[in-house]
Amino acid sequence: DTAVYYCAATTWGGTAARNFNFWGQGTQV
């Protein structure tokens, strides 16, 4: 599970990262 974790927002359906419009800066886990 070790990774940089990002939250994101989208008006699109699905789970593809490329379709998420807005992103946080990330937090290390």
PDB file of all heavy atoms in Angstrom:
ATOM      1  N   ASP A   1       0.813  -1.206   0.000  1.00  0.00           N
ATOM      2  CA  ASP A   1       0.000   0.000   0.000  1.00  0.00           C
ATOM      3  C   ASP A   1       0.852   1.263   0.000  1.00  0.00           C
ATOM      4  O   ASP A   1       0.307   2.367  -0.132  1.00  0.00           O
ATOM      5  CB  ASP A   1      -0.932   0.030   1.212  1.00  0.00           C
ATOM      6  CG  ASP A   1      -1.965  -1.077   1.185  1.00  0.00           C
ATOM      7  OD1 ASP A   1      -2.528  -1.341   0.106  1.00  0.00           O
ATOM      8  OD2 ASP A   1      -2.223  -1.672   2.261  1.00  0.00           O
ATOM      9  N   THR A   2       2.142   1.127   0.164  1.00  0.00           N
ATOM     10  CA  THR A   2       3.041   2.278   0.187  1.00  0.00           C
ATOM     11  C   THR A   2       2.971   3.033  -1.136  1.00  0.00           C
ATOM     12  O   THR A   2       3.184   2.457  -2.208  1.00  0.00           O
ATOM     13  CB  THR A   2       4.477   1.835   0.463  1.00  0.00           C
ATOM     14  OG1 THR A   2       4.559   1.265   1.775  1.00  0.00           O
ATOM     15  CG2 THR A   2       5.435   3.010   0.374  1.00  0.00           C
ATOM     16  N   ALA A   3       2.665   4.319  -1.058  1.00  0.00           N
ATOM     17  CA  ALA A   3       2.514   5.145  -2.253  1.00  0.00           C
ATOM     18  C   ALA A   3       2.211   6.573  -1.830  1.00  0.00           C
ATOM     19  O   ALA A   3       1.932   6.848  -0.657  1.00  0.00           O
ATOM     20  CB  ALA A   3       1.383   4.619  -3.141  1.00  0.00           C
ATOM     21  N   VAL A   4       2.260   7.472  -2.787  1.00  0.00           N
ATOM     22  CA  VAL A   4       1.690   8.797  -2.606  1.00  0.00           C
ATOM     23  C   VAL A   4       0.211   8.699  -2.946  1.00  0.00           C
ATOM     24  O   VAL A   4      -0.154   8.221  -4.024  1.00  0.00           O
ATOM     25  CB  VAL A   4       2.376   9.849  -3.487  1.00  0.00           C
ATOM     26  CG1 VAL A   4       1.698  11.209  -3.323  1.00  0.00           C
ATOM     27  CG2 VAL A   4       3.855   9.956  -3.130  1.00  0.00           C
ATOM     28  N   TYR A   5      -0.628   9.140  -2.040  1.00  0.00           N
ATOM     29  CA  TYR A   5      -2.063   9.076  -2.223  1.00  0.00           C
ATOM     30  C   TYR A   5      -2.603  10.451  -2.594  1.00  0.00           C
ATOM     31  O   TYR A   5      -2.257  11.453  -1.966  1.00  0.00           O
ATOM     32  CB  TYR A   5      -2.752   8.571  -0.957  1.00  0.00           C
ATOM     33  CG  TYR A   5      -2.626   7.079  -0.774  1.00  0.00           C
ATOM     34  CD1 TYR A   5      -1.400   6.504  -0.446  1.00  0.00           C
ATOM     35  CD2 TYR A   5      -3.723   6.239  -0.944  1.00  0.00           C
ATOM     36  CE1 TYR A   5      -1.273   5.137  -0.301  1.00  0.00           C
ATOM     37  CE2 TYR A   5      -3.605   4.875  -0.795  1.00  0.00           C
ATOM     38  CZ  TYR A   5      -2.376   4.328  -0.474  1.00  0.00           C
ATOM     39  OH  TYR A   5      -2.257   2.964  -0.327  1.00  0.00           O
ATOM     40  N   TYR A   6      -3.459  10.485  -3.599  1.00  0.00           N
ATOM     41  CA  TYR A   6      -4.049  11.712  -4.103  1.00  0.00           C
ATOM     42  C   TYR A   6      -5.565  11.634  -4.040  1.00  0.00           C
ATOM     43  O   TYR A   6      -6.148  10.608  -4.387  1.00  0.00           O
ATOM     44  CB  TYR A   6      -3.658  11.950  -5.568  1.00  0.00           C
ATOM     45  CG  TYR A   6      -2.181  12.054  -5.830  1.00  0.00           C
ATOM     46  CD1 TYR A   6      -1.418  10.929  -6.093  1.00  0.00           C
ATOM     47  CD2 TYR A   6      -1.556  13.299  -5.839  1.00  0.00           C
ATOM     48  CE1 TYR A   6      -0.061  11.027  -6.352  1.00  0.00           C
ATOM     49  CE2 TYR A   6      -0.207  13.410  -6.099  1.00  0.00           C
ATOM     50  CZ  TYR A   6       0.538  12.268  -6.355  1.00  0.00           C
ATOM     51  OH  TYR A   6       1.881  12.375  -6.619  1.00  0.00           O
ATOM     52  N   CYS A   7      -6.205  12.707  -3.631  1.00  0.00           N
ATOM     53  CA  CYS A   7      -7.641  12.803  -3.838  1.00  0.00           C
ATOM     54  C   CYS A   7      -7.891  13.598  -5.108  1.00  0.00           C
ATOM     55  O   CYS A   7      -7.074  14.409  -5.529  1.00  0.00           O
ATOM     56  CB  CYS A   7      -8.367  13.415  -2.632  1.00  0.00           C
ATOM     57  SG  CYS A   7      -7.963  15.131  -2.260  1.00  0.00           S
ATOM     58  N   ALA A   8      -9.015  13.330  -5.724  1.00  0.00           N
ATOM     59  CA  ALA A   8      -9.347  13.937  -6.998  1.00  0.00           C
ATOM     60  C   ALA A   8     -10.854  14.093  -7.120  1.00  0.00           C
ATOM     61  O   ALA A   8     -11.615  13.453  -6.399  1.00  0.00           O
ATOM     62  CB  ALA A   8      -8.803  13.084  -8.150  1.00  0.00           C
ATOM     63  N   ALA A   9     -11.278  14.936  -8.045  1.00  0.00           N
ATOM     64  CA  ALA A   9     -12.693  15.184  -8.264  1.00  0.00           C
ATOM     65  C   ALA A   9     -12.997  15.181  -9.746  1.00  0.00           C
ATOM     66  O   ALA A   9     -12.167  15.586 -10.568  1.00  0.00           O
ATOM     67  CB  ALA A   9     -13.107  16.515  -7.639  1.00  0.00           C
ATOM     68  N   THR A  10     -14.204  14.736 -10.081  1.00  0.00           N
ATOM     69  CA  THR A  10     -14.609  14.662 -11.475  1.00  0.00           C
ATOM     70  C   THR A  10     -16.125  14.688 -11.593  1.00  0.00           C
ATOM     71  O   THR A  10     -16.833  14.293 -10.662  1.00  0.00           O
ATOM     72  CB  THR A  10     -14.070  13.383 -12.141  1.00  0.00           C
ATOM     73  OG1 THR A  10     -14.405  13.386 -13.527  1.00  0.00           O
ATOM     74  CG2 THR A  10     -14.656  12.135 -11.488  1.00  0.00           C
ATOM     75  N   THR A  11     -16.612  15.149 -12.727  1.00  0.00           N
ATOM     76  CA  THR A  11     -18.023  14.999 -13.073  1.00  0.00           C
ATOM     77  C   THR A  11     -18.253  13.790 -13.966  1.00  0.00           C
ATOM     78  O   THR A  11     -19.396  13.466 -14.281  1.00  0.00           O
ATOM     79  CB  THR A  11     -18.562  16.250 -13.774  1.00  0.00           C
ATOM     80  OG1 THR A  11     -17.782  16.514 -14.942  1.00  0.00           O
ATOM     81  CG2 THR A  11     -18.496  17.456 -12.849  1.00  0.00           C
ATOM     82  N   TRP A  12     -17.175  13.135 -14.365  1.00  0.00           N
ATOM     83  CA  TRP A  12     -17.258  11.948 -15.201  1.00  0.00           C
ATOM     84  C   TRP A  12     -17.460  10.702 -14.357  1.00  0.00           C
ATOM     85  O   TRP A  12     -17.076  10.644 -13.198  1.00  0.00           O
ATOM     86  CB  TRP A  12     -15.991  11.775 -16.041  1.00  0.00           C
ATOM     87  CG  TRP A  12     -15.783  12.821 -17.073  1.00  0.00           C
ATOM     88  CD1 TRP A  12     -15.135  14.008 -16.917  1.00  0.00           C
ATOM     89  CD2 TRP A  12     -16.215  12.769 -18.434  1.00  0.00           C
ATOM     90  NE1 TRP A  12     -15.136  14.708 -18.093  1.00  0.00           N
ATOM     91  CE2 TRP A  12     -15.793  13.974 -19.048  1.00  0.00           C
ATOM     92  CE3 TRP A  12     -16.910  11.829 -19.197  1.00  0.00           C
ATOM     93  CZ2 TRP A  12     -16.051  14.253 -20.390  1.00  0.00           C
ATOM     94  CZ3 TRP A  12     -17.164  12.107 -20.523  1.00  0.00           C
ATOM     95  CH2 TRP A  12     -16.730  13.304 -21.103  1.00  0.00           C
ATOM     96  N   GLY A  13     -18.025   9.685 -14.978  1.00  0.00           N
ATOM     97  CA  GLY A  13     -18.090   8.391 -14.343  1.00  0.00           C
ATOM     98  C   GLY A  13     -16.794   7.626 -14.542  1.00  0.00           C
ATOM     99  O   GLY A  13     -15.845   8.102 -15.174  1.00  0.00           O
ATOM    100  N   GLY A  14     -16.720   6.445 -13.968  1.00  0.00           N
ATOM    101  CA  GLY A  14     -15.559   5.594 -14.147  1.00  0.00           C
ATOM    102  C   GLY A  14     -14.444   5.875 -13.170  1.00  0.00           C
ATOM    103  O   GLY A  14     -14.563   6.714 -12.266  1.00  0.00           O
ATOM    104  N   THR A  15     -13.328   5.183 -13.364  1.00  0.00           N
ATOM    105  CA  THR A  15     -12.210   5.224 -12.427  1.00  0.00           C
ATOM    106  C   THR A  15     -10.888   5.608 -13.063  1.00  0.00           C
ATOM    107  O   THR A  15      -9.844   5.511 -12.417  1.00  0.00           O
ATOM    108  CB  THR A  15     -12.057   3.857 -11.739  1.00  0.00           C
ATOM    109  OG1 THR A  15     -11.816   2.844 -12.725  1.00  0.00           O
ATOM    110  CG2 THR A  15     -13.315   3.498 -10.960  1.00  0.00           C
ATOM    111  N   ALA A  16     -10.885   6.041 -14.310  1.00  0.00           N
ATOM    112  CA  ALA A  16      -9.655   6.404 -14.994  1.00  0.00           C
ATOM    113  C   ALA A  16      -9.131   7.735 -14.476  1.00  0.00           C
ATOM    114  O   ALA A  16      -9.856   8.729 -14.425  1.00  0.00           O
ATOM    115  CB  ALA A  16      -9.873   6.482 -16.493  1.00  0.00           C
ATOM    116  N   ALA A  17      -7.860   7.764 -14.108  1.00  0.00           N
ATOM    117  CA  ALA A  17      -7.262   8.978 -13.574  1.00  0.00           C
ATOM    118  C   ALA A  17      -7.330  10.140 -14.557  1.00  0.00           C
ATOM    119  O   ALA A  17      -7.501  11.293 -14.152  1.00  0.00           O
ATOM    120  CB  ALA A  17      -5.810   8.703 -13.177  1.00  0.00           C
ATOM    121  N   ARG A  18      -7.190   9.847 -15.834  1.00  0.00           N
ATOM    122  CA  ARG A  18      -7.186  10.901 -16.840  1.00  0.00           C
ATOM    123  C   ARG A  18      -8.499  11.653 -16.927  1.00  0.00           C
ATOM    124  O   ARG A  18      -8.543  12.772 -17.455  1.00  0.00           O
ATOM    125  CB  ARG A  18      -6.846  10.318 -18.217  1.00  0.00           C
ATOM    126  CG  ARG A  18      -7.882   9.340 -18.747  1.00  0.00           C
ATOM    127  CD  ARG A  18      -7.470   8.808 -20.114  1.00  0.00           C
ATOM    128  NE  ARG A  18      -8.426   7.845 -20.633  1.00  0.00           N
ATOM    129  CZ  ARG A  18      -8.401   6.549 -20.377  1.00  0.00           C
ATOM    130  NH1 ARG A  18      -7.441   6.052 -19.612  1.00  0.00           N
ATOM    131  NH2 ARG A  18      -9.329   5.746 -20.886  1.00  0.00           N
ATOM    132  N   ASN A  19      -9.570  11.091 -16.401  1.00  0.00           N
ATOM    133  CA  ASN A  19     -10.873  11.735 -16.454  1.00  0.00           C
ATOM    134  C   ASN A  19     -11.196  12.543 -15.205  1.00  0.00           C
ATOM    135  O   ASN A  19     -12.273  13.133 -15.127  1.00  0.00           O
ATOM    136  CB  ASN A  19     -11.963  10.704 -16.690  1.00  0.00           C
ATOM    137  CG  ASN A  19     -11.908  10.112 -18.089  1.00  0.00           C
ATOM    138  OD1 ASN A  19     -11.449  10.751 -19.027  1.00  0.00           O
ATOM    139  ND2 ASN A  19     -12.372   8.883 -18.225  1.00  0.00           N
ATOM    140  N   PHE A  20     -10.299  12.575 -14.241  1.00  0.00           N
ATOM    141  CA  PHE A  20     -10.492  13.391 -13.051  1.00  0.00           C
ATOM    142  C   PHE A  20      -9.892  14.770 -13.279  1.00  0.00           C
ATOM    143  O   PHE A  20      -8.718  14.899 -13.630  1.00  0.00           O
ATOM    144  CB  PHE A  20      -9.879  12.712 -11.821  1.00  0.00           C
ATOM    145  CG  PHE A  20     -10.752  11.643 -11.241  1.00  0.00           C
ATOM    146  CD1 PHE A  20     -10.945  10.449 -11.905  1.00  0.00           C
ATOM    147  CD2 PHE A  20     -11.396  11.843 -10.027  1.00  0.00           C
ATOM    148  CE1 PHE A  20     -11.770   9.463 -11.386  1.00  0.00           C
ATOM    149  CE2 PHE A  20     -12.215  10.855  -9.487  1.00  0.00           C
ATOM    150  CZ  PHE A  20     -12.401   9.668 -10.169  1.00  0.00           C
ATOM    151  N   ASN A  21     -10.696  15.790 -13.077  1.00  0.00           N
ATOM    152  CA  ASN A  21     -10.342  17.145 -13.459  1.00  0.00           C
ATOM    153  C   ASN A  21      -9.459  17.863 -12.448  1.00  0.00           C
ATOM    154  O   ASN A  21      -8.614  18.681 -12.828  1.00  0.00           O
ATOM    155  CB  ASN A  21     -11.611  17.981 -13.665  1.00  0.00           C
ATOM    156  CG  ASN A  21     -12.605  17.339 -14.612  1.00  0.00           C
ATOM    157  OD1 ASN A  21     -13.329  16.416 -14.223  1.00  0.00           O
ATOM    158  ND2 ASN A  21     -12.645  17.833 -15.834  1.00  0.00           N
ATOM    159  N   PHE A  22      -9.659  17.584 -11.175  1.00  0.00           N
ATOM    160  CA  PHE A  22      -8.991  18.325 -10.118  1.00  0.00           C
ATOM    161  C   PHE A  22      -8.309  17.365  -9.167  1.00  0.00           C
ATOM    162  O   PHE A  22      -8.842  16.302  -8.838  1.00  0.00           O
ATOM    163  CB  PHE A  22      -9.998  19.202  -9.354  1.00  0.00           C
ATOM    164  CG  PHE A  22     -10.722  20.164 -10.233  1.00  0.00           C
ATOM    165  CD1 PHE A  22     -11.979  19.865 -10.734  1.00  0.00           C
ATOM    166  CD2 PHE A  22     -10.144  21.379 -10.573  1.00  0.00           C
ATOM    167  CE1 PHE A  22     -12.646  20.752 -11.554  1.00  0.00           C
ATOM    168  CE2 PHE A  22     -10.800  22.272 -11.396  1.00  0.00           C
ATOM    169  CZ  PHE A  22     -12.053  21.953 -11.884  1.00  0.00           C
ATOM    170  N   TRP A  23      -7.127  17.770  -8.706  1.00  0.00           N
ATOM    171  CA  TRP A  23      -6.285  16.908  -7.885  1.00  0.00           C
ATOM    172  C   TRP A  23      -5.700  17.658  -6.708  1.00  0.00           C
ATOM    173  O   TRP A  23      -5.378  18.846  -6.803  1.00  0.00           O
ATOM    174  CB  TRP A  23      -5.131  16.347  -8.717  1.00  0.00           C
ATOM    175  CG  TRP A  23      -5.572  15.426  -9.805  1.00  0.00           C
ATOM    176  CD1 TRP A  23      -6.024  15.772 -11.040  1.00  0.00           C
ATOM    177  CD2 TRP A  23      -5.614  14.003  -9.739  1.00  0.00           C
ATOM    178  NE1 TRP A  23      -6.346  14.647 -11.758  1.00  0.00           N
ATOM    179  CE2 TRP A  23      -6.103  13.553 -10.992  1.00  0.00           C
ATOM    180  CE3 TRP A  23      -5.278  13.073  -8.766  1.00  0.00           C
ATOM    181  CZ2 TRP A  23      -6.272  12.193 -11.282  1.00  0.00           C
ATOM    182  CZ3 TRP A  23      -5.443  11.721  -9.045  1.00  0.00           C
ATOM    183  CH2 TRP A  23      -5.933  11.301 -10.293  1.00  0.00           C
ATOM    184  N   GLY A  24      -5.558  16.954  -5.600  1.00  0.00           N
ATOM    185  CA  GLY A  24      -4.799  17.471  -4.483  1.00  0.00           C
ATOM    186  C   GLY A  24      -3.315  17.288  -4.702  1.00  0.00           C
ATOM    187  O   GLY A  24      -2.866  16.767  -5.728  1.00  0.00           O
ATOM    188  N   GLN A  25      -2.535  17.707  -3.722  1.00  0.00           N
ATOM    189  CA  GLN A  25      -1.081  17.694  -3.857  1.00  0.00           C
ATOM    190  C   GLN A  25      -0.453  16.349  -3.534  1.00  0.00           C
ATOM    191  O   GLN A  25       0.719  16.119  -3.850  1.00  0.00           O
ATOM    192  CB  GLN A  25      -0.464  18.773  -2.962  1.00  0.00           C
ATOM    193  CG  GLN A  25      -0.302  18.393  -1.494  1.00  0.00           C
ATOM    194  CD  GLN A  25      -1.600  18.357  -0.710  1.00  0.00           C
ATOM    195  OE1 GLN A  25      -2.662  18.727  -1.208  1.00  0.00           O
ATOM    196  NE2 GLN A  25      -1.527  17.912   0.537  1.00  0.00           N
ATOM    197  N   GLY A  26      -1.193  15.459  -2.914  1.00  0.00           N
ATOM    198  CA  GLY A  26      -0.699  14.151  -2.547  1.00  0.00           C
ATOM    199  C   GLY A  26      -0.183  14.097  -1.124  1.00  0.00           C
ATOM    200  O   GLY A  26       0.315  15.083  -0.579  1.00  0.00           O
ATOM    201  N   THR A  27      -0.305  12.925  -0.505  1.00  0.00           N
ATOM    202  CA  THR A  27       0.230  12.698   0.827  1.00  0.00           C
ATOM    203  C   THR A  27       0.866  11.313   0.864  1.00  0.00           C
ATOM    204  O   THR A  27       0.308  10.343   0.356  1.00  0.00           O
ATOM    205  CB  THR A  27      -0.868  12.847   1.903  1.00  0.00           C
ATOM    206  OG1 THR A  27      -0.297  12.729   3.206  1.00  0.00           O
ATOM    207  CG2 THR A  27      -1.973  11.814   1.737  1.00  0.00           C
ATOM    208  N   GLN A  28       2.048  11.231   1.454  1.00  0.00           N
ATOM    209  CA  GLN A  28       2.826   9.988   1.440  1.00  0.00           C
ATOM    210  C   GLN A  28       2.331   9.030   2.505  1.00  0.00           C
ATOM    211  O   GLN A  28       2.190   9.395   3.674  1.00  0.00           O
ATOM    212  CB  GLN A  28       4.311  10.287   1.664  1.00  0.00           C
ATOM    213  CG  GLN A  28       5.198   9.047   1.740  1.00  0.00           C
ATOM    214  CD  GLN A  28       5.351   8.352   0.406  1.00  0.00           C
ATOM    215  OE1 GLN A  28       5.617   9.008  -0.605  1.00  0.00           O
ATOM    216  NE2 GLN A  28       5.176   7.024   0.398  1.00  0.00           N
ATOM    217  N   VAL A  29       2.100   7.796   2.102  1.00  0.00           N
ATOM    218  CA  VAL A  29       1.793   6.703   3.022  1.00  0.00           C
ATOM    219  C   VAL A  29       2.879   5.654   2.861  1.00  0.00           C
ATOM    220  O   VAL A  29       3.104   5.147   1.765  1.00  0.00           O
ATOM    221  CB  VAL A  29       0.415   6.082   2.739  1.00  0.00           C
ATOM    222  CG1 VAL A  29       0.198   4.835   3.599  1.00  0.00           C
ATOM    223  CG2 VAL A  29      -0.679   7.101   2.986  1.00  0.00           C
TER     224      VAL A  29
END
